[in-house]
């Protein structure tokens, strides 16, 4: 009987200590300072897509503009400027023996820009950016009548100074000495 009493007292002591520890843990959690999210801000963001010649000078440029909100990590801003281009996939011969397109497949060619996870970092702005830029060029082989699709894809988190144009992406052209770059400028609204 004496053993049962000692074991019971030890079990009660263990339970009481566990409850006290749990209550102390809750108290510690309540004492932790809560991080305060900064107030959201709107920014005007301009993307400049530039094609550069062998000399590094712009031969073509296009701009795309949107407004973003800081702190909205689940929100994504998108810019889409595409053309649906028909590309012949099957040819049929006419009675005179000439081939003409019989079936087409449509391709979206253009610029797709996605922006997410916009945050302020002092005097800079962090953004998660995905760029997908595609274009059609005639084939260099005269036997092939189909166009060549050129595509640049890029995705990364970037840090840009507010109010200053910043090159965030650059790529050499595959068929020439030129290149393509994406420049981003963000200004506070």
N, C-alpha and C. Protein backbone atom coordinates (compact mmCIF):
# COMPACT_ATOMS: atom_id res chain seq x y z
N UNK A 1 0.82 -1.18 0.00
CA UNK A 1 0.00 0.00 0.00
C UNK A 1 0.86 1.25 0.00
N UNK A 2 1.98 1.14 0.73
CA UNK A 2 2.90 2.25 0.81
C UNK A 2 3.48 2.61 -0.58
N UNK A 3 3.76 1.59 -1.40
CA UNK A 3 4.30 1.80 -2.75
C UNK A 3 3.28 2.50 -3.64
N UNK A 4 2.03 2.11 -3.53
CA UNK A 4 0.96 2.71 -4.34
C UNK A 4 0.82 4.19 -4.00
N UNK A 5 0.92 4.54 -2.74
CA UNK A 5 0.81 5.92 -2.31
C UNK A 5 1.96 6.75 -2.86
N UNK A 6 3.18 6.21 -2.80
CA UNK A 6 4.35 6.95 -3.32
C UNK A 6 4.24 7.15 -4.82
N UNK A 7 3.85 6.12 -5.55
CA UNK A 7 3.71 6.23 -7.01
C UNK A 7 2.62 7.23 -7.36
N UNK A 8 1.51 7.21 -6.60
CA UNK A 8 0.42 8.16 -6.85
C UNK A 8 0.88 9.59 -6.60
N UNK A 9 1.63 9.82 -5.53
CA UNK A 9 2.12 11.16 -5.23
C UNK A 9 3.10 11.64 -6.30
N UNK A 10 3.96 10.75 -6.79
CA UNK A 10 4.89 11.11 -7.86
C UNK A 10 4.15 11.47 -9.15
N UNK A 11 3.10 10.70 -9.46
CA UNK A 11 2.31 10.97 -10.66
C UNK A 11 1.61 12.32 -10.55
N UNK A 12 1.05 12.62 -9.38
CA UNK A 12 0.40 13.91 -9.17
C UNK A 12 1.40 15.06 -9.26
N UNK A 13 2.59 14.84 -8.70
CA UNK A 13 3.63 15.87 -8.78
C UNK A 13 4.04 16.12 -10.22
N UNK A 14 4.16 15.05 -11.01
CA UNK A 14 4.53 15.20 -12.42
C UNK A 14 3.46 15.95 -13.19
N UNK A 15 2.21 15.64 -12.94
CA UNK A 15 1.12 16.34 -13.62
C UNK A 15 1.07 17.80 -13.21
N UNK A 16 1.25 18.06 -11.94
CA UNK A 16 1.22 19.44 -11.46
C UNK A 16 2.36 20.24 -12.05
N UNK A 17 3.54 19.65 -12.14
CA UNK A 17 4.70 20.33 -12.72
C UNK A 17 4.46 20.59 -14.21
N UNK A 18 3.87 19.63 -14.89
CA UNK A 18 3.57 19.80 -16.31
C UNK A 18 2.60 20.94 -16.55
N UNK A 19 1.57 21.04 -15.71
CA UNK A 19 0.60 22.13 -15.85
C UNK A 19 1.24 23.47 -15.58
N UNK A 20 2.11 23.52 -14.59
CA UNK A 20 2.78 24.78 -14.27
C UNK A 20 3.67 25.18 -15.43
N UNK A 21 4.40 24.22 -15.98
CA UNK A 21 5.29 24.51 -17.12
C UNK A 21 4.48 24.99 -18.31
N UNK A 22 3.34 24.34 -18.54
CA UNK A 22 2.51 24.75 -19.67
C UNK A 22 2.01 26.18 -19.49
N UNK A 23 1.58 26.48 -18.27
CA UNK A 23 1.10 27.83 -18.00
C UNK A 23 2.23 28.84 -18.16
N UNK A 24 3.44 28.47 -17.77
CA UNK A 24 4.56 29.39 -17.94
C UNK A 24 4.87 29.58 -19.41
N UNK A 25 4.77 28.52 -20.23
CA UNK A 25 5.01 28.64 -21.67
C UNK A 25 3.99 29.58 -22.31
N UNK A 26 2.72 29.47 -21.89
CA UNK A 26 1.71 30.37 -22.43
C UNK A 26 2.04 31.82 -22.07
N UNK A 27 2.50 32.03 -20.87
CA UNK A 27 2.86 33.37 -20.41
C UNK A 27 4.02 33.91 -21.25
N UNK A 28 5.01 33.06 -21.57
CA UNK A 28 6.15 33.50 -22.37
C UNK A 28 5.72 33.91 -23.77
N UNK A 29 4.79 33.15 -24.36
CA UNK A 29 4.30 33.48 -25.69
C UNK A 29 3.59 34.82 -25.67
N UNK A 30 2.82 35.07 -24.63
CA UNK A 30 2.08 36.32 -24.53
C UNK A 30 3.02 37.51 -24.37
N UNK A 31 4.21 37.30 -23.75
CA UNK A 31 5.15 38.39 -23.54
C UNK A 31 5.98 38.74 -24.77
N UNK A 32 5.98 37.87 -25.81
CA UNK A 32 6.78 38.14 -27.00
C UNK A 32 6.26 39.38 -27.71
N UNK A 33 7.16 40.26 -28.12
CA UNK A 33 6.68 41.44 -28.87
C UNK A 33 6.20 41.02 -30.25
N UNK A 34 5.09 41.56 -30.65
CA UNK A 34 4.54 41.26 -31.96
C UNK A 34 5.20 42.15 -33.00
N UNK A 35 5.54 41.55 -34.14
CA UNK A 35 6.14 42.36 -35.22
C UNK A 35 5.02 43.13 -35.91
N UNK A 36 5.26 44.37 -36.12
CA UNK A 36 4.28 45.24 -36.75
C UNK A 36 4.62 45.36 -38.23
N UNK A 37 3.67 44.99 -39.06
CA UNK A 37 3.86 45.13 -40.50
C UNK A 37 3.77 46.61 -40.87
N UNK A 38 4.67 47.07 -41.74
CA UNK A 38 4.58 48.47 -42.15
C UNK A 38 3.29 48.71 -42.94
N UNK A 39 2.83 49.94 -42.91
CA UNK A 39 1.62 50.31 -43.64
C UNK A 39 1.85 50.08 -45.14
N UNK A 40 0.85 49.56 -45.84
CA UNK A 40 1.03 49.33 -47.28
C UNK A 40 1.14 50.65 -48.05
N UNK A 41 1.95 50.61 -49.12
CA UNK A 41 2.12 51.77 -49.99
C UNK A 41 1.95 51.34 -51.44
N UNK A 42 1.48 52.29 -52.25
CA UNK A 42 1.34 52.04 -53.68
C UNK A 42 2.57 52.56 -54.41
N UNK A 43 2.98 51.83 -55.45
CA UNK A 43 4.10 52.23 -56.30
C UNK A 43 3.69 52.11 -57.75
N UNK A 44 4.16 53.04 -58.54
CA UNK A 44 4.01 53.05 -59.99
C UNK A 44 5.25 52.34 -60.54
N UNK A 45 5.07 51.22 -61.25
CA UNK A 45 6.20 50.43 -61.76
C UNK A 45 6.18 50.44 -63.29
N UNK A 46 7.32 50.83 -63.88
CA UNK A 46 7.46 50.88 -65.34
C UNK A 46 8.51 49.86 -65.75
N UNK A 47 8.13 48.96 -66.66
CA UNK A 47 9.06 48.00 -67.25
C UNK A 47 9.40 48.50 -68.65
N UNK A 48 10.67 48.57 -68.96
CA UNK A 48 11.12 48.95 -70.31
C UNK A 48 11.85 47.74 -70.89
N UNK A 49 11.31 47.16 -71.95
CA UNK A 49 11.96 46.05 -72.65
C UNK A 49 12.70 46.65 -73.83
N UNK A 50 14.01 46.45 -73.84
CA UNK A 50 14.85 47.05 -74.88
C UNK A 50 15.61 45.99 -75.65
N UNK A 51 15.59 46.13 -76.97
CA UNK A 51 16.46 45.32 -77.83
C UNK A 51 17.65 46.20 -78.15
N UNK A 52 18.85 45.65 -77.95
CA UNK A 52 20.07 46.42 -78.16
C UNK A 52 20.85 45.86 -79.34
N UNK A 53 21.46 46.76 -80.10
CA UNK A 53 22.31 46.35 -81.22
C UNK A 53 23.68 45.93 -80.71
N UNK A 54 24.55 45.55 -81.64
CA UNK A 54 25.90 45.12 -81.29
C UNK A 54 26.68 46.23 -80.59
N UNK A 55 26.31 47.49 -80.86
CA UNK A 55 26.99 48.62 -80.24
C UNK A 55 26.45 48.96 -78.85
N UNK A 56 25.42 48.20 -78.38
CA UNK A 56 24.85 48.44 -77.06
C UNK A 56 23.77 49.51 -77.03
N UNK A 57 23.48 50.11 -78.19
CA UNK A 57 22.43 51.14 -78.26
C UNK A 57 21.08 50.49 -78.56
N UNK A 58 20.03 51.08 -77.98
CA UNK A 58 18.68 50.54 -78.16
C UNK A 58 18.23 50.65 -79.61
N UNK A 59 17.78 49.54 -80.19
CA UNK A 59 17.23 49.54 -81.54
C UNK A 59 15.70 49.49 -81.49
N UNK A 60 15.16 49.04 -80.38
CA UNK A 60 13.72 48.96 -80.20
C UNK A 60 13.45 48.93 -78.70
N UNK A 61 12.41 49.63 -78.27
CA UNK A 61 12.04 49.58 -76.85
C UNK A 61 10.54 49.70 -76.72
N UNK A 62 10.02 49.01 -75.72
CA UNK A 62 8.59 49.05 -75.42
C UNK A 62 8.45 49.18 -73.91
N UNK A 63 7.45 49.96 -73.47
CA UNK A 63 7.26 50.13 -72.03
C UNK A 63 5.90 49.58 -71.60
N UNK A 64 5.88 49.08 -70.36
CA UNK A 64 4.69 48.49 -69.76
C UNK A 64 4.60 49.02 -68.34
N UNK A 65 3.41 49.48 -67.94
CA UNK A 65 3.25 50.16 -66.66
C UNK A 65 2.13 49.53 -65.85
N UNK A 66 2.34 49.46 -64.53
CA UNK A 66 1.30 48.98 -63.62
C UNK A 66 1.49 49.65 -62.27
N UNK A 67 0.53 49.45 -61.40
CA UNK A 67 0.61 49.93 -60.02
C UNK A 67 0.61 48.71 -59.11
N UNK A 68 1.50 48.72 -58.11
CA UNK A 68 1.59 47.60 -57.17
C UNK A 68 1.38 48.11 -55.75
N UNK A 69 1.05 47.19 -54.85
CA UNK A 69 0.80 47.49 -53.44
C UNK A 69 1.77 46.67 -52.60
N UNK A 70 2.47 47.31 -51.67
CA UNK A 70 3.40 46.58 -50.81
C UNK A 70 2.64 45.75 -49.80
N UNK A 71 3.26 44.67 -49.36
CA UNK A 71 2.71 43.85 -48.29
C UNK A 71 1.64 42.86 -48.71
N UNK A 72 1.23 42.84 -49.93
CA UNK A 72 0.20 41.90 -50.39
C UNK A 72 0.89 40.71 -51.05
N UNK A 73 1.45 39.80 -50.24
CA UNK A 73 2.27 38.72 -50.78
C UNK A 73 1.47 37.74 -51.62
N UNK A 74 0.21 37.52 -51.30
CA UNK A 74 -0.57 36.57 -52.07
C UNK A 74 -1.14 37.19 -53.35
N UNK A 75 -1.07 38.48 -53.48
CA UNK A 75 -1.58 39.17 -54.66
C UNK A 75 -0.53 39.21 -55.75
N UNK A 76 -0.96 38.97 -56.98
CA UNK A 76 -0.04 39.04 -58.11
C UNK A 76 -0.56 40.06 -59.11
N UNK A 77 0.32 40.91 -59.59
CA UNK A 77 -0.01 41.84 -60.66
C UNK A 77 0.52 41.23 -61.96
N UNK A 78 -0.25 41.35 -63.02
CA UNK A 78 0.15 40.78 -64.31
C UNK A 78 -0.03 41.78 -65.42
N UNK A 79 0.89 41.74 -66.37
CA UNK A 79 0.78 42.51 -67.60
C UNK A 79 0.86 41.51 -68.74
N UNK A 80 -0.11 41.53 -69.64
CA UNK A 80 -0.15 40.62 -70.78
C UNK A 80 -0.36 41.45 -72.05
N UNK A 81 0.57 41.38 -72.98
CA UNK A 81 0.39 41.99 -74.29
C UNK A 81 0.82 40.97 -75.32
N UNK A 82 -0.15 40.27 -75.89
CA UNK A 82 0.13 39.17 -76.81
C UNK A 82 -0.67 39.30 -78.09
N UNK A 83 -0.16 38.66 -79.12
CA UNK A 83 -0.89 38.48 -80.37
C UNK A 83 -1.01 36.99 -80.60
N UNK A 84 -2.18 36.56 -81.07
CA UNK A 84 -2.35 35.14 -81.41
C UNK A 84 -2.00 35.01 -82.89
N UNK A 85 -0.87 34.35 -83.14
CA UNK A 85 -0.33 34.23 -84.49
C UNK A 85 -0.66 32.85 -85.04
N UNK A 86 -1.28 32.78 -86.26
CA UNK A 86 -1.53 31.47 -86.85
C UNK A 86 -0.24 30.92 -87.48
N UNK A 87 0.06 29.67 -87.18
CA UNK A 87 1.21 29.00 -87.76
C UNK A 87 0.69 27.74 -88.44
N UNK A 88 0.98 27.61 -89.73
CA UNK A 88 0.50 26.45 -90.50
C UNK A 88 1.15 25.18 -89.97
N UNK A 89 0.33 24.16 -89.71
CA UNK A 89 0.85 22.87 -89.22
C UNK A 89 0.65 21.75 -90.23
N UNK A 90 -0.19 21.97 -91.24
CA UNK A 90 -0.45 20.95 -92.25
C UNK A 90 -0.71 21.65 -93.57
N UNK A 91 -0.17 21.10 -94.64
CA UNK A 91 -0.34 21.69 -95.96
C UNK A 91 -1.06 20.70 -96.87
N UNK A 92 -1.84 21.23 -97.77
CA UNK A 92 -2.58 20.41 -98.74
C UNK A 92 -2.19 20.86 -100.14
N UNK A 93 -2.15 19.89 -101.06
CA UNK A 93 -1.84 20.21 -102.47
C UNK A 93 -3.14 20.45 -103.21
N UNK A 94 -3.13 21.52 -103.99
CA UNK A 94 -4.30 21.82 -104.81
C UNK A 94 -4.24 20.99 -106.09
N UNK A 95 -5.27 21.08 -106.90
CA UNK A 95 -5.31 20.32 -108.16
C UNK A 95 -4.18 20.74 -109.11
N UNK A 96 -3.69 21.97 -108.94
CA UNK A 96 -2.60 22.44 -109.79
C UNK A 96 -1.23 22.03 -109.23
N UNK A 97 -1.23 21.37 -108.04
CA UNK A 97 0.03 20.90 -107.45
C UNK A 97 0.67 21.86 -106.46
N UNK A 98 0.06 23.02 -106.24
CA UNK A 98 0.61 23.98 -105.30
C UNK A 98 0.19 23.62 -103.88
N UNK A 99 1.13 23.81 -102.94
CA UNK A 99 0.81 23.56 -101.54
C UNK A 99 0.28 24.83 -100.89
N UNK A 100 -0.75 24.67 -100.07
CA UNK A 100 -1.28 25.80 -99.31
C UNK A 100 -1.61 25.31 -97.91
N UNK A 101 -1.55 26.21 -96.93
CA UNK A 101 -1.83 25.80 -95.55
C UNK A 101 -3.24 25.25 -95.41
N UNK A 102 -3.38 24.11 -94.73
CA UNK A 102 -4.69 23.49 -94.53
C UNK A 102 -5.11 23.55 -93.06
N UNK A 103 -4.14 23.50 -92.14
CA UNK A 103 -4.46 23.58 -90.72
C UNK A 103 -3.49 24.53 -90.04
N UNK A 104 -4.00 25.17 -88.98
CA UNK A 104 -3.18 26.14 -88.27
C UNK A 104 -3.20 25.86 -86.77
N UNK A 105 -2.11 26.22 -86.15
CA UNK A 105 -2.02 26.23 -84.69
C UNK A 105 -1.74 27.68 -84.30
N UNK A 106 -2.42 28.17 -83.27
CA UNK A 106 -2.24 29.56 -82.87
C UNK A 106 -1.27 29.62 -81.70
N UNK A 107 -0.33 30.56 -81.76
CA UNK A 107 0.66 30.76 -80.71
C UNK A 107 0.51 32.15 -80.13
N UNK A 108 0.60 32.25 -78.80
CA UNK A 108 0.60 33.57 -78.15
C UNK A 108 2.02 34.08 -78.16
N UNK A 109 2.23 35.20 -78.84
CA UNK A 109 3.55 35.81 -78.96
C UNK A 109 3.45 37.22 -78.36
N UNK A 110 4.38 37.56 -77.47
CA UNK A 110 4.35 38.89 -76.89
C UNK A 110 5.09 38.95 -75.56
N UNK A 111 4.55 39.76 -74.64
CA UNK A 111 5.21 40.01 -73.36
C UNK A 111 4.25 39.66 -72.22
N UNK A 112 4.74 38.86 -71.28
CA UNK A 112 4.02 38.52 -70.05
C UNK A 112 4.91 38.89 -68.88
N UNK A 113 4.41 39.74 -68.00
CA UNK A 113 5.15 40.16 -66.81
C UNK A 113 4.28 39.91 -65.58
N UNK A 114 4.85 39.23 -64.57
CA UNK A 114 4.16 38.97 -63.32
C UNK A 114 4.98 39.56 -62.18
N UNK A 115 4.29 40.23 -61.25
CA UNK A 115 4.94 40.85 -60.09
C UNK A 115 4.22 40.36 -58.84
N UNK A 116 4.99 39.89 -57.85
CA UNK A 116 4.41 39.48 -56.57
C UNK A 116 5.38 39.78 -55.45
N UNK A 117 4.92 39.60 -54.24
CA UNK A 117 5.74 39.78 -53.04
C UNK A 117 6.47 41.13 -53.03
N UNK A 118 5.71 42.19 -53.14
CA UNK A 118 6.27 43.55 -53.15
C UNK A 118 6.46 44.01 -51.71
N UNK A 119 7.68 44.37 -51.37
CA UNK A 119 8.01 44.83 -50.01
C UNK A 119 8.97 46.01 -50.07
N UNK A 120 8.85 46.88 -49.07
CA UNK A 120 9.81 47.98 -48.93
C UNK A 120 10.98 47.48 -48.09
N UNK A 121 12.18 47.85 -48.47
CA UNK A 121 13.39 47.51 -47.73
C UNK A 121 14.22 48.78 -47.63
N UNK A 122 13.88 49.63 -46.67
CA UNK A 122 14.55 50.92 -46.55
C UNK A 122 14.17 51.81 -47.71
N UNK A 123 15.17 52.24 -48.49
CA UNK A 123 14.92 53.08 -49.67
C UNK A 123 14.83 52.26 -50.95
N UNK A 124 14.73 50.95 -50.80
CA UNK A 124 14.64 50.05 -51.94
C UNK A 124 13.29 49.34 -51.93
N UNK A 125 13.03 48.65 -53.01
CA UNK A 125 11.80 47.88 -53.16
C UNK A 125 12.19 46.48 -53.60
N UNK A 126 11.65 45.46 -52.93
CA UNK A 126 11.88 44.09 -53.36
C UNK A 126 10.63 43.60 -54.08
N UNK A 127 10.85 42.89 -55.17
CA UNK A 127 9.75 42.36 -55.98
C UNK A 127 10.13 40.97 -56.47
N UNK A 128 9.16 40.08 -56.53
CA UNK A 128 9.34 38.82 -57.23
C UNK A 128 8.83 39.02 -58.64
N UNK A 129 9.71 38.91 -59.63
CA UNK A 129 9.33 39.23 -61.01
C UNK A 129 9.55 38.02 -61.91
N UNK A 130 8.58 37.79 -62.79
CA UNK A 130 8.69 36.78 -63.84
C UNK A 130 8.44 37.47 -65.16
N UNK A 131 9.38 37.32 -66.09
CA UNK A 131 9.25 37.91 -67.43
C UNK A 131 9.30 36.80 -68.47
N UNK A 132 8.39 36.86 -69.42
CA UNK A 132 8.35 35.91 -70.54
C UNK A 132 8.12 36.74 -71.80
N UNK A 133 9.16 36.85 -72.62
CA UNK A 133 9.11 37.71 -73.81
C UNK A 133 9.38 36.84 -75.03
N UNK A 134 8.45 36.83 -75.98
CA UNK A 134 8.61 36.00 -77.17
C UNK A 134 8.30 36.83 -78.42
N UNK A 135 8.91 36.41 -79.53
CA UNK A 135 8.70 37.08 -80.82
C UNK A 135 8.92 36.09 -81.95
N UNK A 136 8.40 36.43 -83.12
CA UNK A 136 8.55 35.60 -84.32
C UNK A 136 9.51 36.25 -85.30
N UNK A 137 10.33 35.42 -85.92
CA UNK A 137 11.24 35.89 -86.96
C UNK A 137 11.16 34.92 -88.13
N UNK A 138 11.36 35.41 -89.34
CA UNK A 138 11.35 34.49 -90.48
C UNK A 138 12.52 33.51 -90.38
N UNK A 139 12.30 32.32 -90.87
CA UNK A 139 13.36 31.32 -90.85
C UNK A 139 14.48 31.74 -91.80
N UNK A 140 15.71 31.44 -91.42
CA UNK A 140 16.85 31.76 -92.29
C UNK A 140 16.99 30.72 -93.41
N UNK A 141 16.27 29.60 -93.30
CA UNK A 141 16.29 28.56 -94.33
C UNK A 141 15.11 28.79 -95.27
N UNK A 142 15.37 29.07 -96.56
CA UNK A 142 14.26 29.36 -97.48
C UNK A 142 13.33 28.16 -97.70
N UNK A 143 13.80 26.95 -97.41
CA UNK A 143 12.95 25.76 -97.59
C UNK A 143 11.90 25.66 -96.49
N UNK A 144 12.20 26.25 -95.35
CA UNK A 144 11.25 26.21 -94.23
C UNK A 144 10.42 27.48 -94.25
N UNK A 145 9.13 27.31 -94.40
CA UNK A 145 8.25 28.47 -94.50
C UNK A 145 7.72 28.93 -93.14
N UNK A 146 8.02 28.17 -92.10
CA UNK A 146 7.51 28.49 -90.77
C UNK A 146 8.43 29.49 -90.07
N UNK A 147 7.86 30.38 -89.28
CA UNK A 147 8.68 31.35 -88.55
C UNK A 147 9.42 30.68 -87.38
N UNK A 148 10.45 31.36 -86.90
CA UNK A 148 11.20 30.92 -85.74
C UNK A 148 10.69 31.71 -84.53
N UNK A 149 10.42 31.01 -83.44
CA UNK A 149 9.97 31.66 -82.22
C UNK A 149 11.19 31.89 -81.33
N UNK A 150 11.38 33.14 -80.93
CA UNK A 150 12.46 33.47 -80.00
C UNK A 150 11.81 33.80 -78.67
N UNK A 151 12.37 33.22 -77.59
CA UNK A 151 11.74 33.39 -76.29
C UNK A 151 12.80 33.62 -75.22
N UNK A 152 12.56 34.62 -74.39
CA UNK A 152 13.39 34.89 -73.21
C UNK A 152 12.49 34.76 -72.00
N UNK A 153 12.87 33.88 -71.07
CA UNK A 153 12.11 33.70 -69.84
C UNK A 153 13.06 33.91 -68.67
N UNK A 154 12.53 34.55 -67.63
CA UNK A 154 13.35 34.84 -66.47
C UNK A 154 12.45 35.02 -65.27
N UNK A 155 12.91 34.53 -64.10
CA UNK A 155 12.14 34.69 -62.87
C UNK A 155 13.11 34.78 -61.70
N UNK A 156 12.95 35.81 -60.86
CA UNK A 156 13.84 35.97 -59.70
C UNK A 156 13.30 37.08 -58.80
N UNK A 157 13.71 37.03 -57.53
CA UNK A 157 13.44 38.18 -56.66
C UNK A 157 14.48 39.26 -56.96
N UNK A 158 14.05 40.52 -56.99
CA UNK A 158 14.98 41.62 -57.29
C UNK A 158 14.85 42.70 -56.23
N UNK A 159 15.92 43.46 -56.09
CA UNK A 159 15.97 44.61 -55.19
C UNK A 159 16.31 45.81 -56.05
N UNK A 160 15.40 46.79 -56.09
CA UNK A 160 15.65 47.97 -56.92
C UNK A 160 15.54 49.23 -56.07
N UNK A 161 16.39 50.21 -56.34
CA UNK A 161 16.26 51.49 -55.63
C UNK A 161 15.02 52.23 -56.14
N UNK A 162 14.28 52.82 -55.23
CA UNK A 162 13.07 53.55 -55.59
C UNK A 162 13.45 54.80 -56.37
N UNK A 163 12.81 54.98 -57.53
CA UNK A 163 13.03 56.16 -58.36
C UNK A 163 14.20 56.07 -59.31
N UNK A 164 14.92 54.96 -59.35
CA UNK A 164 16.09 54.84 -60.22
C UNK A 164 15.90 53.68 -61.20
N UNK A 165 16.04 53.92 -62.52
CA UNK A 165 15.94 52.82 -63.49
C UNK A 165 17.03 51.78 -63.22
N UNK A 166 16.63 50.50 -63.19
CA UNK A 166 17.55 49.43 -62.85
C UNK A 166 17.39 48.28 -63.84
N UNK A 167 18.49 47.82 -64.43
CA UNK A 167 18.46 46.66 -65.33
C UNK A 167 18.32 45.42 -64.45
N UNK A 168 17.25 44.66 -64.66
CA UNK A 168 17.04 43.46 -63.86
C UNK A 168 17.22 42.18 -64.67
N UNK A 169 17.29 42.30 -65.98
CA UNK A 169 17.43 41.13 -66.84
C UNK A 169 18.15 41.52 -68.10
N UNK A 170 19.09 40.69 -68.52
CA UNK A 170 19.76 40.92 -69.80
C UNK A 170 20.10 39.57 -70.41
N UNK A 171 20.03 39.50 -71.73
CA UNK A 171 20.29 38.24 -72.43
C UNK A 171 20.85 38.55 -73.81
N UNK A 172 21.88 37.80 -74.21
CA UNK A 172 22.41 37.94 -75.57
C UNK A 172 21.43 37.36 -76.56
N UNK A 173 21.38 37.93 -77.76
CA UNK A 173 20.58 37.39 -78.84
C UNK A 173 21.32 36.18 -79.42
N UNK A 174 20.58 35.17 -79.82
CA UNK A 174 21.21 33.96 -80.34
C UNK A 174 21.67 34.09 -81.78
N UNK A 175 21.06 34.99 -82.53
CA UNK A 175 21.36 35.07 -83.96
C UNK A 175 22.16 36.31 -84.35
N UNK A 176 22.54 37.14 -83.39
CA UNK A 176 23.28 38.35 -83.71
C UNK A 176 24.16 38.73 -82.53
N UNK A 177 24.87 39.83 -82.67
CA UNK A 177 25.71 40.32 -81.58
C UNK A 177 24.93 41.22 -80.62
N UNK A 178 23.63 41.37 -80.86
CA UNK A 178 22.80 42.23 -80.03
C UNK A 178 22.36 41.52 -78.75
N UNK A 179 21.49 42.19 -78.00
CA UNK A 179 20.98 41.62 -76.76
C UNK A 179 19.62 42.22 -76.42
N UNK A 180 19.02 41.70 -75.36
CA UNK A 180 17.75 42.21 -74.87
C UNK A 180 17.91 42.47 -73.37
N UNK A 181 17.26 43.52 -72.88
CA UNK A 181 17.29 43.79 -71.44
C UNK A 181 15.95 44.31 -70.98
N UNK A 182 15.70 44.12 -69.68
CA UNK A 182 14.49 44.64 -69.04
C UNK A 182 14.95 45.61 -67.95
N UNK A 183 14.43 46.84 -68.02
CA UNK A 183 14.77 47.89 -67.05
C UNK A 183 13.49 48.21 -66.27
N UNK A 184 13.61 48.28 -64.93
CA UNK A 184 12.45 48.57 -64.08
C UNK A 184 12.69 49.84 -63.30
N UNK A 185 11.64 50.68 -63.23
CA UNK A 185 11.67 51.89 -62.42
C UNK A 185 10.41 51.90 -61.55
N UNK A 186 10.59 52.09 -60.25
CA UNK A 186 9.44 52.16 -59.33
C UNK A 186 9.45 53.52 -58.66
N UNK A 187 8.30 54.20 -58.66
CA UNK A 187 8.16 55.48 -57.98
C UNK A 187 6.97 55.42 -57.04
N UNK A 188 7.10 56.05 -55.89
CA UNK A 188 6.05 56.05 -54.88
C UNK A 188 4.87 56.91 -55.34
N UNK A 189 3.67 56.47 -55.04
CA UNK A 189 2.47 57.25 -55.38
C UNK A 189 1.99 57.98 -54.14
